[in-house]
Amino acid sequence: MTSLSIWFGRLLVLVGIVGYAYGMIQGNASFTALIPAAFGLVLMILGYLGQRSEGARKHFMHVAMLIGLIGFVVPAWRLISKFDGFSASAAHLSQLAMAVLCLLFVIFGIRSFVNARRG
């Protein structure tokens, strides 16, 4: 689960950097484009902490799942609330990518928790 957290964190950082770089190219860069990168950085840190501390791994991974859940709900809610005016803008695509990545992280995390409970 720790490596899963690190990899999804890396993907979110990539989404944030690409979104910000695209904004710079278009001449309207905003620091809000880096929100996925901030979530990704937190997931990576929690993954690394979980690898280093065997005793607290479960706690770090539960916090990572909470971050992943928030990372899904907030952009998904924003996309749903703006569904009438949805366009293929960089902001909407970045929110969509963040929501999908965080949802996948939560799904894989739940599956990992269930498998660990069985084992």
C-alpha atoms as a PDB file:
ATOM      1  CA  MET A   1       0.000   0.000   0.000  1.00  0.00           C
ATOM      2  CA  THR A   2       2.890   2.372   0.669  1.00  0.00           C
ATOM      3  CA  SER A   3       4.219   1.983  -2.866  1.00  0.00           C
ATOM      4  CA  LEU A   4       0.692   2.547  -4.180  1.00  0.00           C
ATOM      5  CA  SER A   5       0.547   5.810  -2.251  1.00  0.00           C
ATOM      6  CA  ILE A   6       3.914   6.887  -3.628  1.00  0.00           C
ATOM      7  CA  TRP A   7       3.009   6.071  -7.239  1.00  0.00           C
ATOM      8  CA  PHE A   8      -0.361   7.788  -7.154  1.00  0.00           C
ATOM      9  CA  GLY A   9       1.333  10.736  -5.462  1.00  0.00           C
ATOM     10  CA  ARG A  10       3.803  10.936  -8.321  1.00  0.00           C
ATOM     11  CA  LEU A  11       0.984  10.861 -10.877  1.00  0.00           C
ATOM     12  CA  LEU A  12      -0.836  13.669  -9.081  1.00  0.00           C
ATOM     13  CA  VAL A  13       2.349  15.741  -8.949  1.00  0.00           C
ATOM     14  CA  LEU A  14       2.691  15.196 -12.686  1.00  0.00           C
ATOM     15  CA  VAL A  15      -0.906  16.340 -13.274  1.00  0.00           C
ATOM     16  CA  GLY A  16      -0.254  19.496 -11.261  1.00  0.00           C
ATOM     17  CA  ILE A  17       3.004  20.318 -13.017  1.00  0.00           C
ATOM     18  CA  VAL A  18       1.553  19.704 -16.481  1.00  0.00           C
ATOM     19  CA  GLY A  19      -1.485  21.844 -15.648  1.00  0.00           C
ATOM     20  CA  TYR A  20       0.676  24.686 -14.392  1.00  0.00           C
ATOM     21  CA  ALA A  21       3.064  24.446 -17.364  1.00  0.00           C
ATOM     22  CA  TYR A  22       0.104  24.520 -19.758  1.00  0.00           C
ATOM     23  CA  GLY A  23      -1.154  27.640 -18.019  1.00  0.00           C
ATOM     24  CA  MET A  24       2.268  29.257 -18.362  1.00  0.00           C
ATOM     25  CA  ILE A  25       2.306  28.492 -22.071  1.00  0.00           C
ATOM     26  CA  GLN A  26      -1.167  30.004 -22.461  1.00  0.00           C
ATOM     27  CA  GLY A  27      -0.168  33.038 -20.430  1.00  0.00           C
ATOM     28  CA  ASN A  28      -2.680  32.519 -17.618  1.00  0.00           C
ATOM     29  CA  ALA A  29      -0.821  30.376 -15.097  1.00  0.00           C
ATOM     30  CA  SER A  30      -2.398  30.078 -11.683  1.00  0.00           C
ATOM     31  CA  PHE A  31      -1.095  28.461  -8.524  1.00  0.00           C
ATOM     32  CA  THR A  32      -4.409  26.624  -8.196  1.00  0.00           C
ATOM     33  CA  ALA A  33      -3.192  24.397 -11.029  1.00  0.00           C
ATOM     34  CA  LEU A  34      -0.721  22.980  -8.515  1.00  0.00           C
ATOM     35  CA  ILE A  35      -3.444  21.677  -6.155  1.00  0.00           C
ATOM     36  CA  PRO A  36      -3.138  18.102  -7.523  1.00  0.00           C
ATOM     37  CA  ALA A  37       0.617  18.330  -6.974  1.00  0.00           C
ATOM     38  CA  ALA A  38       0.054  19.314  -3.332  1.00  0.00           C
ATOM     39  CA  PHE A  39      -2.218  16.305  -2.788  1.00  0.00           C
ATOM     40  CA  GLY A  40       0.347  14.117  -4.548  1.00  0.00           C
ATOM     41  CA  LEU A  41       3.165  15.421  -2.400  1.00  0.00           C
ATOM     42  CA  VAL A  42       1.199  14.598   0.754  1.00  0.00           C
ATOM     43  CA  LEU A  43       0.470  11.070  -0.544  1.00  0.00           C
ATOM     44  CA  MET A  44       4.146  10.528  -1.357  1.00  0.00           C
ATOM     45  CA  ILE A  45       5.252  11.726   2.080  1.00  0.00           C
ATOM     46  CA  LEU A  46       2.718   9.461   3.786  1.00  0.00           C
ATOM     47  CA  GLY A  47       3.893   6.542   1.651  1.00  0.00           C
ATOM     48  CA  TYR A  48       7.538   7.136   2.551  1.00  0.00           C
ATOM     49  CA  LEU A  49       6.672   7.516   6.232  1.00  0.00           C
ATOM     50  CA  GLY A  50       4.706   4.279   6.069  1.00  0.00           C
ATOM     51  CA  GLN A  51       7.718   2.482   4.616  1.00  0.00           C
ATOM     52  CA  ARG A  52      10.010   3.785   7.343  1.00  0.00           C
ATOM     53  CA  SER A  53       7.749   3.112  10.317  1.00  0.00           C
ATOM     54  CA  GLU A  54       6.393  -0.419  10.470  1.00  0.00           C
ATOM     55  CA  GLY A  55       4.405   0.241  13.629  1.00  0.00           C
ATOM     56  CA  ALA A  56       2.645   3.347  12.312  1.00  0.00           C
ATOM     57  CA  ARG A  57       2.226   2.161   8.715  1.00  0.00           C
ATOM     58  CA  LYS A  58      -1.465   1.422   9.170  1.00  0.00           C
ATOM     59  CA  HIS A  59      -2.090   4.919  10.536  1.00  0.00           C
ATOM     60  CA  PHE A  60      -0.195   6.622   7.731  1.00  0.00           C
ATOM     61  CA  MET A  61      -2.088   4.617   5.122  1.00  0.00           C
ATOM     62  CA  HIS A  62      -5.434   5.443   6.701  1.00  0.00           C
ATOM     63  CA  VAL A  63      -4.548   9.142   6.545  1.00  0.00           C
ATOM     64  CA  ALA A  64      -3.470   8.655   2.921  1.00  0.00           C
ATOM     65  CA  MET A  65      -6.855   7.096   2.160  1.00  0.00           C
ATOM     66  CA  LEU A  66      -8.588  10.094   3.748  1.00  0.00           C
ATOM     67  CA  ILE A  67      -6.499  12.449   1.605  1.00  0.00           C
ATOM     68  CA  GLY A  68      -7.379  10.353  -1.454  1.00  0.00           C
ATOM     69  CA  LEU A  69     -11.069  10.484  -0.597  1.00  0.00           C
ATOM     70  CA  ILE A  70     -10.969  14.259  -0.185  1.00  0.00           C
ATOM     71  CA  GLY A  71      -8.962  14.445  -3.419  1.00  0.00           C
ATOM     72  CA  PHE A  72     -11.801  12.652  -5.174  1.00  0.00           C
ATOM     73  CA  VAL A  73     -14.834  14.305  -3.584  1.00  0.00           C
ATOM     74  CA  VAL A  74     -13.804  17.952  -3.917  1.00  0.00           C
ATOM     75  CA  PRO A  75     -12.906  18.026  -7.639  1.00  0.00           C
ATOM     76  CA  ALA A  76     -15.772  15.660  -8.477  1.00  0.00           C
ATOM     77  CA  TRP A  77     -18.197  17.977  -6.674  1.00  0.00           C
ATOM     78  CA  ARG A  78     -16.790  20.998  -8.508  1.00  0.00           C
ATOM     79  CA  LEU A  79     -17.123  19.218 -11.854  1.00  0.00           C
ATOM     80  CA  ILE A  80     -20.677  18.124 -11.131  1.00  0.00           C
ATOM     81  CA  SER A  81     -21.679  21.623 -10.011  1.00  0.00           C
ATOM     82  CA  LYS A  82     -20.296  23.067 -13.264  1.00  0.00           C
ATOM     83  CA  PHE A  83     -21.621  20.283 -15.472  1.00  0.00           C
ATOM     84  CA  ASP A  84     -23.701  22.676 -17.584  1.00  0.00           C
ATOM     85  CA  GLY A  85     -20.663  24.779 -18.405  1.00  0.00           C
ATOM     86  CA  PHE A  86     -18.156  21.933 -18.754  1.00  0.00           C
ATOM     87  CA  SER A  87     -15.502  22.546 -21.356  1.00  0.00           C
ATOM     88  CA  ALA A  88     -12.269  20.821 -22.240  1.00  0.00           C
ATOM     89  CA  SER A  89     -10.264  23.541 -20.524  1.00  0.00           C
ATOM     90  CA  ALA A  90      -7.050  22.780 -18.701  1.00  0.00           C
ATOM     91  CA  ALA A  91      -8.700  23.439 -15.324  1.00  0.00           C
ATOM     92  CA  HIS A  92     -11.571  21.033 -15.976  1.00  0.00           C
ATOM     93  CA  LEU A  93      -9.277  18.352 -17.372  1.00  0.00           C
ATOM     94  CA  SER A  94      -6.940  18.709 -14.407  1.00  0.00           C
ATOM     95  CA  GLN A  95      -9.855  18.389 -11.972  1.00  0.00           C
ATOM     96  CA  LEU A  96     -11.107  15.354 -13.863  1.00  0.00           C
ATOM     97  CA  ALA A  97      -7.661  13.719 -13.818  1.00  0.00           C
ATOM     98  CA  MET A  98      -7.292  14.405 -10.097  1.00  0.00           C
ATOM     99  CA  ALA A  99     -10.740  12.991  -9.327  1.00  0.00           C
ATOM    100  CA  VAL A 100     -10.118   9.838 -11.365  1.00  0.00           C
ATOM    101  CA  LEU A 101      -6.645   9.229  -9.918  1.00  0.00           C
ATOM    102  CA  CYS A 102      -7.837   9.749  -6.356  1.00  0.00           C
ATOM    103  CA  LEU A 103     -10.850   7.489  -6.906  1.00  0.00           C
ATOM    104  CA  LEU A 104      -8.587   4.749  -8.252  1.00  0.00           C
ATOM    105  CA  PHE A 105      -6.262   5.214  -5.281  1.00  0.00           C
ATOM    106  CA  VAL A 106      -9.170   4.833  -2.859  1.00  0.00           C
ATOM    107  CA  ILE A 107     -10.505   1.756  -4.666  1.00  0.00           C
ATOM    108  CA  PHE A 108      -7.101   0.062  -4.732  1.00  0.00           C
ATOM    109  CA  GLY A 109      -6.515   1.086  -1.124  1.00  0.00           C
ATOM    110  CA  ILE A 110      -9.793  -0.442   0.044  1.00  0.00           C
ATOM    111  CA  ARG A 111      -8.925  -3.614  -1.833  1.00  0.00           C
ATOM    112  CA  SER A 112      -5.517  -3.638  -0.152  1.00  0.00           C
ATOM    113  CA  PHE A 113      -7.088  -3.146   3.285  1.00  0.00           C
ATOM    114  CA  VAL A 114      -9.534  -5.990   2.663  1.00  0.00           C
ATOM    115  CA  ASN A 115      -6.744  -8.314   1.510  1.00  0.00           C
ATOM    116  CA  ALA A 116      -4.639  -7.398   4.543  1.00  0.00           C
ATOM    117  CA  ARG A 117      -7.584  -8.079   6.839  1.00  0.00           C
ATOM    118  CA  ARG A 118      -8.109 -11.496   5.267  1.00  0.00           C
ATOM    119  CA  GLY A 119      -4.413 -12.347   5.541  1.00  0.00           C
END
